[in-house]
N, C-alpha and C. Protein backbone atom coordinates (compact mmCIF):
# COMPACT_ATOMS: atom_id res chain seq x y z
N MET A 1 0.84 -1.16 0.00
CA MET A 1 0.00 0.00 0.00
C MET A 1 0.89 1.24 0.00
N SER A 2 0.83 2.03 -1.02
CA SER A 2 1.66 3.21 -1.14
C SER A 2 0.85 4.45 -0.83
N GLY A 3 1.54 5.50 -0.41
CA GLY A 3 0.89 6.77 -0.07
C GLY A 3 1.60 7.92 -0.74
N ASP A 4 1.56 9.08 -0.10
CA ASP A 4 2.26 10.25 -0.61
C ASP A 4 3.76 10.07 -0.44
N PRO A 5 4.56 10.56 -1.36
CA PRO A 5 6.01 10.45 -1.20
C PRO A 5 6.48 11.13 0.09
N ALA A 6 7.40 10.47 0.77
CA ALA A 6 7.94 11.00 2.03
C ALA A 6 9.37 10.52 2.20
N LEU A 7 10.09 11.22 3.02
CA LEU A 7 11.47 10.89 3.33
C LEU A 7 11.50 9.95 4.53
N LYS A 8 12.28 8.87 4.42
CA LYS A 8 12.39 7.88 5.49
C LYS A 8 13.86 7.53 5.72
N CYS A 9 14.13 7.06 6.90
CA CYS A 9 15.46 6.57 7.26
C CYS A 9 15.33 5.07 7.51
N VAL A 10 16.19 4.30 6.86
CA VAL A 10 16.21 2.85 7.03
C VAL A 10 17.54 2.50 7.68
N ILE A 11 17.47 1.83 8.83
CA ILE A 11 18.67 1.43 9.56
C ILE A 11 18.67 -0.09 9.65
N ALA A 12 19.73 -0.71 9.19
CA ALA A 12 19.85 -2.18 9.23
C ALA A 12 21.18 -2.54 9.86
N TRP A 13 21.17 -3.51 10.77
CA TRP A 13 22.42 -3.88 11.44
C TRP A 13 22.49 -5.36 11.73
N SER A 14 23.73 -5.80 11.85
CA SER A 14 24.03 -7.21 12.08
C SER A 14 25.36 -7.29 12.82
N ASP A 15 25.49 -8.30 13.64
CA ASP A 15 26.78 -8.54 14.31
C ASP A 15 27.76 -9.27 13.40
N ARG A 16 27.28 -9.79 12.27
CA ARG A 16 28.11 -10.63 11.40
C ARG A 16 28.52 -9.99 10.08
N ARG A 17 27.71 -9.07 9.57
CA ARG A 17 28.02 -8.53 8.24
C ARG A 17 27.46 -7.13 8.08
N ASN A 18 28.00 -6.40 7.12
CA ASN A 18 27.50 -5.06 6.80
C ASN A 18 26.28 -5.22 5.90
N LEU A 19 25.16 -4.70 6.34
CA LEU A 19 23.91 -4.87 5.60
C LEU A 19 23.56 -3.70 4.69
N CYS A 20 24.18 -2.57 4.88
CA CYS A 20 23.73 -1.36 4.20
C CYS A 20 23.67 -1.53 2.67
N SER A 21 24.71 -2.03 2.06
CA SER A 21 24.70 -2.17 0.60
C SER A 21 23.70 -3.23 0.15
N LEU A 22 23.52 -4.28 0.94
CA LEU A 22 22.54 -5.31 0.60
C LEU A 22 21.11 -4.76 0.66
N VAL A 23 20.83 -4.02 1.71
CA VAL A 23 19.50 -3.42 1.86
C VAL A 23 19.29 -2.35 0.79
N ALA A 24 20.31 -1.55 0.51
CA ALA A 24 20.21 -0.52 -0.52
C ALA A 24 19.84 -1.15 -1.86
N LYS A 25 20.50 -2.22 -2.24
CA LYS A 25 20.19 -2.88 -3.51
C LYS A 25 18.77 -3.42 -3.53
N ALA A 26 18.32 -3.99 -2.42
CA ALA A 26 16.95 -4.51 -2.35
C ALA A 26 15.93 -3.39 -2.53
N LEU A 27 16.17 -2.25 -1.88
CA LEU A 27 15.24 -1.13 -1.99
C LEU A 27 15.32 -0.47 -3.37
N GLU A 28 16.53 -0.34 -3.90
CA GLU A 28 16.69 0.24 -5.23
C GLU A 28 15.96 -0.56 -6.28
N SER A 29 15.91 -1.87 -6.13
CA SER A 29 15.21 -2.71 -7.11
C SER A 29 13.70 -2.47 -7.08
N LYS A 30 13.20 -1.96 -5.97
CA LYS A 30 11.76 -1.70 -5.83
C LYS A 30 11.39 -0.26 -6.17
N ILE A 31 12.24 0.71 -5.78
CA ILE A 31 11.85 2.12 -5.93
C ILE A 31 12.79 2.93 -6.81
N GLY A 32 13.92 2.37 -7.19
CA GLY A 32 14.87 3.08 -8.04
C GLY A 32 16.04 3.65 -7.27
N ALA A 33 17.21 3.57 -7.86
CA ALA A 33 18.45 4.01 -7.22
C ALA A 33 18.47 5.51 -6.95
N GLU A 34 17.76 6.29 -7.75
CA GLU A 34 17.79 7.74 -7.58
C GLU A 34 17.12 8.20 -6.29
N ASP A 35 16.35 7.32 -5.65
CA ASP A 35 15.64 7.69 -4.42
C ASP A 35 16.18 6.99 -3.18
N VAL A 36 17.41 6.48 -3.26
CA VAL A 36 18.05 5.83 -2.12
C VAL A 36 19.46 6.40 -1.96
N ARG A 37 19.79 6.84 -0.75
CA ARG A 37 21.12 7.37 -0.48
C ARG A 37 21.67 6.71 0.78
N GLN A 38 22.88 6.17 0.69
CA GLN A 38 23.53 5.57 1.86
C GLN A 38 24.03 6.69 2.77
N LEU A 39 23.80 6.53 4.09
CA LEU A 39 24.19 7.55 5.07
C LEU A 39 25.31 7.09 5.98
N GLY A 40 25.88 5.98 5.71
CA GLY A 40 26.94 5.44 6.56
C GLY A 40 26.95 3.92 6.43
N ASP A 41 27.48 3.26 7.42
CA ASP A 41 27.58 1.80 7.35
C ASP A 41 26.28 1.08 7.66
N GLU A 42 25.34 1.75 8.31
CA GLU A 42 24.12 1.06 8.74
C GLU A 42 22.83 1.75 8.34
N SER A 43 22.89 2.90 7.66
CA SER A 43 21.64 3.62 7.42
C SER A 43 21.54 4.17 6.00
N LEU A 44 20.28 4.38 5.60
CA LEU A 44 19.95 4.89 4.28
C LEU A 44 18.88 5.96 4.41
N ALA A 45 18.90 6.95 3.53
CA ALA A 45 17.78 7.86 3.35
C ALA A 45 17.03 7.36 2.12
N VAL A 46 15.72 7.28 2.24
CA VAL A 46 14.89 6.77 1.15
C VAL A 46 13.74 7.74 0.94
N TYR A 47 13.47 8.08 -0.31
CA TYR A 47 12.35 8.94 -0.63
C TYR A 47 11.42 8.21 -1.58
N GLY A 48 10.14 8.21 -1.27
CA GLY A 48 9.19 7.59 -2.16
C GLY A 48 7.84 7.41 -1.50
N ALA A 49 6.92 6.84 -2.26
CA ALA A 49 5.55 6.64 -1.81
C ALA A 49 5.37 5.36 -1.00
N ALA A 50 6.36 4.50 -0.98
CA ALA A 50 6.25 3.25 -0.22
C ALA A 50 6.10 3.56 1.27
N GLN A 51 5.22 2.83 1.93
CA GLN A 51 5.01 2.97 3.36
C GLN A 51 6.20 2.39 4.11
N SER A 52 6.37 2.80 5.36
CA SER A 52 7.45 2.28 6.19
C SER A 52 7.42 0.77 6.29
N ALA A 53 6.24 0.19 6.42
CA ALA A 53 6.10 -1.27 6.52
C ALA A 53 6.54 -1.96 5.23
N GLU A 54 6.27 -1.34 4.08
CA GLU A 54 6.71 -1.91 2.80
C GLU A 54 8.24 -1.93 2.73
N LEU A 55 8.85 -0.80 3.09
CA LEU A 55 10.32 -0.74 3.09
C LEU A 55 10.90 -1.77 4.05
N ARG A 56 10.31 -1.89 5.22
CA ARG A 56 10.75 -2.90 6.20
C ARG A 56 10.70 -4.29 5.61
N ASP A 57 9.59 -4.62 4.97
CA ASP A 57 9.43 -5.96 4.40
C ASP A 57 10.43 -6.21 3.27
N TRP A 58 10.66 -5.22 2.42
CA TRP A 58 11.62 -5.38 1.32
C TRP A 58 13.04 -5.55 1.87
N ALA A 59 13.37 -4.77 2.88
CA ALA A 59 14.70 -4.89 3.50
C ALA A 59 14.84 -6.24 4.20
N ALA A 60 13.79 -6.69 4.85
CA ALA A 60 13.84 -7.95 5.59
C ALA A 60 14.10 -9.15 4.70
N GLU A 61 13.83 -9.02 3.41
CA GLU A 61 14.07 -10.13 2.48
C GLU A 61 15.54 -10.51 2.40
N VAL A 62 16.45 -9.59 2.72
CA VAL A 62 17.88 -9.89 2.65
C VAL A 62 18.49 -10.16 4.03
N LEU A 63 17.68 -10.09 5.08
CA LEU A 63 18.17 -10.33 6.43
C LEU A 63 18.22 -11.82 6.76
N GLU A 64 19.14 -12.16 7.65
CA GLU A 64 19.25 -13.51 8.19
C GLU A 64 18.86 -13.48 9.65
N ASP A 65 18.75 -14.63 10.28
CA ASP A 65 18.41 -14.70 11.70
C ASP A 65 19.34 -13.82 12.52
N GLY A 66 18.77 -13.07 13.45
CA GLY A 66 19.55 -12.22 14.33
C GLY A 66 19.85 -10.84 13.78
N GLU A 67 19.46 -10.54 12.54
CA GLU A 67 19.69 -9.23 11.95
C GLU A 67 18.41 -8.40 12.03
N SER A 68 18.57 -7.09 12.04
CA SER A 68 17.43 -6.21 12.29
C SER A 68 17.37 -5.05 11.31
N VAL A 69 16.16 -4.51 11.16
CA VAL A 69 15.95 -3.31 10.35
C VAL A 69 14.90 -2.45 11.04
N LEU A 70 15.10 -1.14 10.98
CA LEU A 70 14.17 -0.16 11.52
C LEU A 70 13.94 0.89 10.44
N VAL A 71 12.67 1.23 10.20
CA VAL A 71 12.32 2.26 9.22
C VAL A 71 11.58 3.38 9.96
N VAL A 72 12.06 4.61 9.78
CA VAL A 72 11.48 5.76 10.44
C VAL A 72 11.11 6.81 9.40
N GLU A 73 9.90 7.28 9.44
CA GLU A 73 9.48 8.38 8.56
C GLU A 73 9.60 9.68 9.34
N PHE A 74 10.13 10.72 8.69
CA PHE A 74 10.28 11.99 9.39
C PHE A 74 10.00 13.16 8.47
N GLU A 75 9.69 14.28 9.07
CA GLU A 75 9.32 15.47 8.31
C GLU A 75 10.38 16.57 8.34
N ARG A 76 11.24 16.53 9.31
CA ARG A 76 12.27 17.57 9.43
C ARG A 76 13.64 16.91 9.55
N TRP A 77 14.63 17.64 9.07
CA TRP A 77 15.99 17.13 9.17
C TRP A 77 16.93 18.31 9.34
N SER A 78 18.08 18.01 9.82
CA SER A 78 19.14 19.00 9.95
C SER A 78 20.45 18.25 9.79
N GLY A 79 21.38 18.78 9.05
CA GLY A 79 22.64 18.09 8.84
C GLY A 79 23.78 19.06 8.68
N HIS A 80 24.99 18.52 8.77
CA HIS A 80 26.18 19.33 8.62
C HIS A 80 27.30 18.46 8.08
N GLY A 81 28.06 18.97 7.17
CA GLY A 81 29.24 18.28 6.67
C GLY A 81 29.06 17.68 5.29
N PRO A 82 30.17 17.27 4.68
CA PRO A 82 30.14 16.78 3.31
C PRO A 82 29.43 15.44 3.15
N GLY A 83 29.22 14.70 4.23
CA GLY A 83 28.54 13.41 4.14
C GLY A 83 27.03 13.52 4.03
N VAL A 84 26.50 14.73 4.19
CA VAL A 84 25.05 14.95 4.09
C VAL A 84 24.76 15.52 2.71
N ASP A 85 24.00 14.81 1.92
CA ASP A 85 23.66 15.25 0.57
C ASP A 85 22.45 16.17 0.64
N ALA A 86 22.69 17.41 1.09
CA ALA A 86 21.61 18.36 1.29
C ALA A 86 20.84 18.65 0.00
N GLY A 87 21.52 18.69 -1.12
CA GLY A 87 20.85 18.93 -2.40
C GLY A 87 19.82 17.86 -2.71
N TRP A 88 20.21 16.60 -2.48
CA TRP A 88 19.29 15.48 -2.71
C TRP A 88 18.11 15.58 -1.77
N LEU A 89 18.35 15.90 -0.50
CA LEU A 89 17.28 16.01 0.48
C LEU A 89 16.34 17.18 0.14
N LEU A 90 16.89 18.33 -0.22
CA LEU A 90 16.07 19.50 -0.52
C LEU A 90 15.16 19.27 -1.73
N LYS A 91 15.60 18.49 -2.70
CA LYS A 91 14.77 18.19 -3.87
C LYS A 91 13.59 17.31 -3.50
N ARG A 92 13.62 16.74 -2.32
CA ARG A 92 12.57 15.83 -1.90
C ARG A 92 11.69 16.45 -0.80
N GLY A 93 11.53 17.75 -0.88
CA GLY A 93 10.55 18.44 -0.07
C GLY A 93 10.97 18.85 1.32
N HIS A 94 12.25 18.81 1.62
CA HIS A 94 12.68 19.19 2.97
C HIS A 94 13.78 20.22 2.91
């Protein structure tokens, strides 16, 4: 079930492996690479109409036992430094 486009943060972690690139590829295959940005080793910014539960389910497809994912939708952001793609975020309504 999709809704209005919104900015979300997807955080995936594991004690055994780095999940960020795996989760990014899974989400990119569903919503497109232009709407997914990696924010570090464990988190992604995602923009689109997919609901948080949809993103969670798509990310969970690449998880193994003991690995976790959290999806948070937010309306405001603040960042500083070269690692924050402010241009990408501003184009998505924030």
